[in-house]
Amino acid sequence: MIKIKNVTQPILITGSTGFVGANLTRFFVSRGLKVNIIIRKSSNIWRIKDIIHKINTHYVDLRDKTKLRKIIRKIKPKSIFHLAAYGAYSYQSDWKLIKSTILNGTINLLNECKKFKFNIFLNSGSSSEYGFKKNKMSENSLLEPNSYYAVFKSAATLFCQYEAVTNKLPIITVRPFHIYGQFEEPSRLIPTVIKNLLNNKSSKLVSSNIARDMIFIDDVIDLYLLIASKPKIKGEIFNIGSGKQRTIAEIYSELCNIIKINIKPVWNTMKDRSWDQANWRADMTSVQKIFRWKPKNSLKMGLTKTVDWYRHYYNKDSKL
């Protein structure tokens, strides 16, 4: 059971129409809390459409400093969860748009929020900031970003850290690894394989030895809230992962066992992505030491819950 500990209202969430942001928003709403979200007029709200009437929705682009200033002045948020981003998918390749959304958007948001005394500003970085590593990726590892997305995520992380240390502000950055679960982007690995298996279809995949550190969305939300409840920590960076890596072959096999079907995938028929790697594992030592936290869901448990969710919602939303 995820608990809310010392998450002070008003709450502000950016990126609430995205995978993690939507799950975080839905969690707060399910607990009866009124949440403020910032979205663009063009945002696809399919993940939160059924609860949008329970949310204080503010329409603004984070790159628009004038409009953003007015909204932040109105909300005066105490707990800020910053998840808005662009460029995480291969079809999002415009580096100027990636920069303005991630870096400029983060700078604008933080500059406005720090005019008011907030309790926590939780910035969402990315494990892609580390680039390719042969060993576990720790928060102190050298940053070697391997995409424009990773470059500007790294820059936003460093900006947040500088502001936290220089101005003694409660700003923390998290670096999530491979998150999966309900409301994940339909084109990604887990949703694609689940939908294909449920329809008795094979999947075209990259190399079977590509590895990922997998963590279930409920555990991610749990850790987000736990970290947000520690406002005395300033400028720190924390990984969000399981500390274990699984190959795509292992993940596929596990899904076949859960769905009770045996359909062989077609390996090496999907175009390699620049970020695919055989080593991708989070060093969770810092999180375990400071927060005494470990994920509650094993890969089998998380995938089972995800499959159950898809079976229930598959025909309810055309997006799925």
Protein backbone atom coordinates (compact mmCIF):
# COMPACT_ATOMS: atom_id res chain seq x y z
CA MET A 1 0.00 0.00 0.00
CA ILE A 2 1.49 3.32 -1.07
CA LYS A 3 1.22 5.97 1.60
CA ILE A 4 1.42 9.74 1.36
CA LYS A 5 4.00 11.03 3.80
CA ASN A 6 4.53 14.75 4.25
CA VAL A 7 3.57 15.66 0.69
CA THR A 8 2.39 19.21 1.30
CA GLN A 9 -0.42 20.79 -0.69
CA PRO A 10 -0.88 22.55 -3.07
CA ILE A 11 0.55 19.86 -5.33
CA LEU A 12 1.70 20.68 -8.87
CA ILE A 13 2.46 18.04 -11.50
CA THR A 14 3.92 18.69 -14.94
CA GLY A 15 3.83 15.91 -17.53
CA SER A 16 0.57 14.61 -16.06
CA THR A 17 -0.57 13.26 -19.43
CA GLY A 18 2.55 11.10 -19.74
CA PHE A 19 3.02 7.58 -18.42
CA VAL A 20 4.53 8.26 -14.98
CA GLY A 21 2.86 11.63 -14.53
CA ALA A 22 -0.58 10.19 -15.19
CA ASN A 23 -0.07 7.38 -12.68
CA LEU A 24 1.13 9.87 -10.08
CA THR A 25 -1.85 12.14 -10.79
CA ARG A 26 -4.27 9.22 -10.58
CA PHE A 27 -2.73 8.17 -7.27
CA PHE A 28 -3.29 11.55 -5.65
CA VAL A 29 -6.82 11.84 -7.04
CA SER A 30 -7.65 8.34 -5.75
CA ARG A 31 -6.63 9.54 -2.28
CA GLY A 32 -9.00 12.49 -2.52
CA LEU A 33 -6.33 15.15 -2.97
CA LYS A 34 -6.85 18.07 -5.33
CA VAL A 35 -3.98 18.22 -7.78
CA ASN A 36 -2.87 21.06 -10.03
CA ILE A 37 -1.57 20.03 -13.42
CA ILE A 38 0.05 22.06 -16.18
CA ILE A 39 -0.64 20.82 -19.70
CA ARG A 40 -0.74 22.25 -23.21
CA LYS A 41 -3.96 22.74 -25.11
CA SER A 42 -2.74 20.11 -27.59
CA SER A 43 -1.94 17.48 -24.93
CA ASN A 44 -3.48 14.05 -25.41
CA ILE A 45 -5.31 13.40 -22.14
CA TRP A 46 -6.30 9.75 -22.75
CA ARG A 47 -4.52 8.57 -19.59
CA ILE A 48 -6.42 10.97 -17.30
CA LYS A 49 -9.57 11.65 -19.32
CA ASP A 50 -11.83 9.88 -16.81
CA ILE A 51 -10.54 11.94 -13.85
CA ILE A 52 -9.87 15.30 -15.50
CA HIS A 53 -12.96 16.77 -13.81
CA LYS A 54 -11.35 16.11 -10.42
CA ILE A 55 -8.16 18.02 -11.27
CA ASN A 56 -7.26 21.71 -11.34
CA THR A 57 -6.08 21.96 -14.92
CA HIS A 58 -3.94 24.89 -16.09
CA TYR A 59 -3.16 25.26 -19.78
CA VAL A 60 0.29 26.63 -20.51
CA ASP A 61 3.48 25.66 -22.30
CA LEU A 62 6.44 25.67 -19.89
CA ARG A 63 8.39 27.60 -22.51
CA ASP A 64 5.97 30.53 -22.15
CA LYS A 65 7.46 32.41 -19.19
CA THR A 66 4.78 35.11 -19.06
CA LYS A 67 1.80 32.76 -18.82
CA LEU A 68 3.70 30.36 -16.59
CA ARG A 69 4.48 33.16 -14.15
CA LYS A 70 0.78 33.99 -13.75
CA ILE A 71 -0.18 30.37 -13.13
CA ILE A 72 2.56 29.68 -10.59
CA ARG A 73 1.64 32.88 -8.78
CA LYS A 74 -1.94 31.63 -8.60
CA ILE A 75 -1.11 28.10 -7.41
CA LYS A 76 1.86 28.85 -5.12
CA PRO A 77 2.74 25.14 -5.12
CA LYS A 78 4.39 23.50 -2.13
CA SER A 79 5.12 20.10 -3.70
CA ILE A 80 6.23 20.12 -7.34
CA PHE A 81 6.62 16.93 -9.36
CA HIS A 82 8.28 17.89 -12.63
CA LEU A 83 7.87 15.14 -15.24
CA ALA A 84 7.23 17.11 -18.45
CA ALA A 85 9.63 16.15 -21.24
CA TYR A 86 10.03 15.63 -24.97
CA GLY A 87 12.46 13.51 -26.97
CA ALA A 88 12.27 10.14 -25.24
CA TYR A 89 11.03 8.42 -28.40
CA SER A 90 12.92 7.98 -31.67
CA TYR A 91 10.30 9.93 -33.63
CA GLN A 92 10.91 12.97 -31.37
CA SER A 93 14.19 14.05 -32.97
CA ASP A 94 14.03 17.86 -33.22
CA TRP A 95 16.93 18.84 -30.94
CA LYS A 96 15.82 22.45 -30.66
CA LEU A 97 12.38 21.37 -29.45
CA ILE A 98 13.95 18.83 -27.09
CA LYS A 99 16.19 21.55 -25.63
CA SER A 100 13.47 24.15 -25.25
CA THR A 101 11.05 21.67 -23.67
CA ILE A 102 13.41 19.93 -21.27
CA LEU A 103 16.07 22.50 -20.38
CA ASN A 104 14.29 25.82 -20.93
CA GLY A 105 11.05 24.43 -19.52
CA THR A 106 12.80 23.23 -16.35
CA ILE A 107 14.62 26.54 -15.89
CA ASN A 108 11.42 28.53 -16.36
CA LEU A 109 9.43 26.35 -13.96
CA LEU A 110 12.04 26.32 -11.22
CA ASN A 111 12.69 30.06 -11.48
CA GLU A 112 8.99 30.78 -10.96
CA CYS A 113 8.46 28.21 -8.21
CA LYS A 114 11.41 29.41 -6.15
CA LYS A 115 9.72 32.81 -5.80
CA PHE A 116 7.48 30.99 -3.34
CA LYS A 117 8.68 28.80 -0.50
CA PHE A 118 8.11 25.28 -1.76
CA ASN A 119 8.56 22.14 0.30
CA ILE A 120 9.94 19.91 -2.46
CA PHE A 121 10.79 20.19 -6.15
CA LEU A 122 11.23 16.69 -7.54
CA ASN A 123 12.85 16.80 -10.96
CA SER A 124 12.66 13.77 -13.24
CA GLY A 125 15.91 13.02 -14.98
CA SER A 126 16.70 9.86 -16.94
CA SER A 127 18.99 6.85 -16.78
CA SER A 128 19.99 7.76 -20.35
CA GLU A 129 22.12 10.53 -18.84
CA TYR A 130 24.69 7.85 -17.99
CA GLY A 131 25.11 6.66 -21.57
CA PHE A 132 26.72 3.27 -22.13
CA LYS A 133 28.29 1.61 -19.10
CA LYS A 134 29.79 -1.83 -18.52
CA ASN A 135 28.95 -1.86 -14.82
CA LYS A 136 26.08 -0.71 -12.61
CA MET A 137 25.16 2.92 -13.07
CA SER A 138 25.52 4.89 -9.86
CA GLU A 139 24.48 8.46 -9.21
CA ASN A 140 28.17 9.41 -9.21
CA SER A 141 28.94 7.77 -12.55
CA LEU A 142 30.37 9.95 -15.30
CA LEU A 143 27.60 11.32 -17.50
CA GLU A 144 28.03 10.27 -21.14
CA PRO A 145 24.66 11.09 -22.74
CA ASN A 146 24.01 9.21 -25.98
CA SER A 147 21.15 11.28 -27.44
CA TYR A 148 19.88 14.85 -27.55
CA TYR A 149 17.26 13.82 -25.00
CA ALA A 150 19.97 12.56 -22.65
CA VAL A 151 22.12 15.66 -23.22
CA PHE A 152 19.39 18.08 -22.17
CA LYS A 153 18.16 15.85 -19.35
CA SER A 154 21.72 15.95 -18.02
CA ALA A 155 21.82 19.73 -18.35
CA ALA A 156 18.48 20.10 -16.52
CA THR A 157 19.73 17.81 -13.74
CA LEU A 158 22.88 19.90 -13.28
CA PHE A 159 20.87 23.13 -13.29
CA CYS A 160 18.57 21.78 -10.57
CA GLN A 161 21.53 20.57 -8.53
CA TYR A 162 23.27 23.92 -8.81
CA GLU A 163 20.15 25.80 -7.70
CA ALA A 164 19.65 23.42 -4.78
CA VAL A 165 23.21 23.74 -3.50
CA THR A 166 23.67 27.45 -4.19
CA ASN A 167 20.33 28.61 -2.82
CA LYS A 168 19.81 25.78 -0.30
CA LEU A 169 16.57 24.72 -1.95
CA PRO A 170 14.84 21.32 -1.46
CA ILE A 171 15.35 20.13 -5.03
CA ILE A 172 15.96 16.45 -5.77
CA THR A 173 16.43 14.72 -9.12
CA VAL A 174 15.49 11.10 -9.81
CA ARG A 175 16.79 9.02 -12.69
CA PRO A 176 14.26 6.32 -13.64
CA PHE A 177 15.33 3.22 -15.53
CA HIS A 178 12.88 1.09 -17.59
CA ILE A 179 9.43 1.64 -16.12
CA TYR A 180 6.49 -0.53 -17.18
CA GLY A 181 2.88 -1.01 -16.16
CA GLN A 182 -0.59 0.44 -16.67
CA PHE A 183 -0.90 3.37 -19.11
CA GLU A 184 2.56 2.84 -20.60
CA GLU A 185 3.09 4.23 -24.10
CA PRO A 186 1.40 1.63 -26.38
CA SER A 187 4.29 1.50 -28.85
CA ARG A 188 6.88 0.42 -26.27
CA LEU A 189 8.20 -3.10 -25.66
CA ILE A 190 5.91 -4.45 -22.93
CA PRO A 191 2.58 -3.15 -24.33
CA THR A 192 3.52 -4.27 -27.84
CA VAL A 193 4.43 -7.82 -26.78
CA ILE A 194 1.38 -8.16 -24.52
CA LYS A 195 -1.03 -7.02 -27.23
CA ASN A 196 0.56 -9.34 -29.78
CA LEU A 197 0.47 -12.34 -27.45
CA LEU A 198 -3.15 -11.68 -26.48
CA ASN A 199 -3.94 -11.67 -30.20
CA ASN A 200 -1.86 -14.80 -30.92
CA LYS A 201 0.65 -12.81 -32.94
CA SER A 202 4.41 -12.92 -33.05
CA SER A 203 6.52 -9.83 -32.30
CA LYS A 204 9.33 -8.32 -34.33
CA LEU A 205 12.09 -7.48 -31.87
CA VAL A 206 15.69 -6.32 -31.63
CA SER A 207 18.51 -8.56 -30.43
CA SER A 208 17.51 -10.98 -27.68
CA ASN A 209 20.49 -10.04 -25.48
CA ILE A 210 19.53 -6.36 -25.13
CA ALA A 211 19.08 -5.82 -21.39
CA ARG A 212 17.00 -3.47 -19.26
CA ASP A 213 16.61 -2.70 -15.58
CA MET A 214 12.86 -3.16 -15.20
CA ILE A 215 10.74 -1.56 -12.49
CA PHE A 216 6.96 -1.63 -12.08
CA ILE A 217 5.10 1.68 -12.10
CA ASP A 218 3.55 1.21 -8.64
CA ASP A 219 7.03 0.88 -7.14
CA VAL A 220 8.11 4.00 -8.99
CA ILE A 221 5.23 6.03 -7.53
CA ASP A 222 6.04 4.61 -4.10
CA LEU A 223 9.64 5.81 -4.33
CA TYR A 224 8.67 9.20 -5.81
CA LEU A 225 6.47 9.85 -2.77
CA LEU A 226 9.06 8.57 -0.31
CA ILE A 227 11.77 10.81 -1.78
CA ALA A 228 9.38 13.77 -1.87
CA SER A 229 8.76 13.30 1.85
CA LYS A 230 12.41 14.11 2.62
CA PRO A 231 12.65 17.86 1.89
CA LYS A 232 15.78 18.23 4.03
CA ILE A 233 17.72 16.47 1.28
CA LYS A 234 18.92 19.15 -1.14
CA GLY A 235 20.57 18.68 -4.52
CA GLU A 236 20.80 14.90 -4.34
CA ILE A 237 20.23 12.55 -7.27
CA PHE A 238 18.67 9.11 -6.87
CA ASN A 239 18.26 6.19 -9.25
CA ILE A 240 14.87 4.56 -9.61
CA GLY A 241 15.32 0.97 -10.68
CA SER A 242 15.32 -2.59 -9.41
CA GLY A 243 19.08 -3.04 -9.37
CA LYS A 244 18.68 -6.09 -11.62
CA GLN A 245 18.72 -6.34 -15.38
CA ARG A 246 16.77 -8.70 -17.60
CA THR A 247 17.31 -9.44 -21.27
CA ILE A 248 14.47 -8.95 -23.71
CA ALA A 249 14.51 -12.72 -24.20
CA GLU A 250 13.84 -13.22 -20.47
CA ILE A 251 11.08 -10.61 -20.47
CA TYR A 252 9.42 -12.16 -23.50
CA SER A 253 9.60 -15.64 -21.97
CA GLU A 254 8.06 -14.39 -18.72
CA LEU A 255 5.15 -12.82 -20.59
CA CYS A 256 4.56 -16.05 -22.51
CA ASN A 257 4.40 -17.96 -19.22
CA ILE A 258 1.97 -15.45 -17.69
CA ILE A 259 -0.34 -15.40 -20.71
CA LYS A 260 0.10 -19.17 -21.10
CA ILE A 261 1.00 -19.09 -24.75
CA ASN A 262 4.09 -20.10 -26.70
CA ILE A 263 4.69 -17.92 -29.74
CA LYS A 264 8.26 -17.38 -30.89
CA PRO A 265 9.29 -13.80 -31.61
CA VAL A 266 11.21 -12.81 -34.71
CA TRP A 267 14.55 -11.61 -33.38
CA ASN A 268 16.76 -9.00 -35.06
CA THR A 269 13.97 -7.76 -37.31
CA MET A 270 13.37 -4.48 -35.51
CA LYS A 271 15.75 -1.63 -36.22
CA ASP A 272 18.32 -1.08 -33.47
CA ARG A 273 17.89 2.07 -31.39
CA SER A 274 20.89 4.18 -30.38
CA TRP A 275 20.20 3.59 -26.68
CA ASP A 276 19.89 -0.22 -26.81
CA GLN A 277 22.62 -1.92 -24.79
CA ALA A 278 23.56 -5.24 -23.22
CA ASN A 279 24.33 -3.63 -19.85
CA TRP A 280 21.73 -1.39 -18.23
CA ARG A 281 21.47 -1.74 -14.47
CA ALA A 282 20.88 0.76 -11.68
CA ASP A 283 23.08 0.87 -8.61
CA MET A 284 20.43 1.24 -5.90
CA THR A 285 22.86 1.37 -2.96
CA SER A 286 22.20 5.03 -2.20
CA VAL A 287 18.41 4.65 -2.22
CA GLN A 288 18.56 1.51 -0.06
CA LYS A 289 20.87 3.20 2.44
CA ILE A 290 19.02 6.53 2.77
CA PHE A 291 15.41 5.41 2.32
CA ARG A 292 15.64 1.71 3.24
CA TRP A 293 13.59 1.02 0.13
CA LYS A 294 13.30 -1.93 -2.19
CA PRO A 295 10.68 -2.56 -4.91
CA LYS A 296 7.74 -4.62 -3.71
CA ASN A 297 7.00 -6.17 -7.09
CA SER A 298 9.19 -8.78 -8.73
CA LEU A 299 9.29 -8.82 -12.54
CA LYS A 300 6.77 -11.67 -12.58
CA MET A 301 4.41 -9.83 -10.22
CA GLY A 302 4.64 -6.57 -12.14
CA LEU A 303 4.17 -8.18 -15.53
CA THR A 304 1.21 -10.21 -14.23
CA LYS A 305 -0.50 -7.04 -13.00
CA THR A 306 0.24 -5.35 -16.32
CA VAL A 307 -1.22 -8.23 -18.32
CA ASP A 308 -4.32 -8.24 -16.11
CA TRP A 309 -4.73 -4.51 -16.71
CA TYR A 310 -4.48 -4.92 -20.47
CA ARG A 311 -7.00 -7.76 -20.45
CA HIS A 312 -9.45 -5.52 -18.61
CA TYR A 313 -8.89 -2.29 -20.56
CA TYR A 314 -7.83 -3.55 -23.96
CA ASN A 315 -11.16 -2.90 -25.67
CA LYS A 316 -12.09 0.16 -23.65
CA ASP A 317 -9.76 2.70 -25.23
CA SER A 318 -8.75 2.86 -28.88
CA LYS A 319 -5.36 4.21 -27.75
CA LEU A 320 -4.58 0.79 -26.36
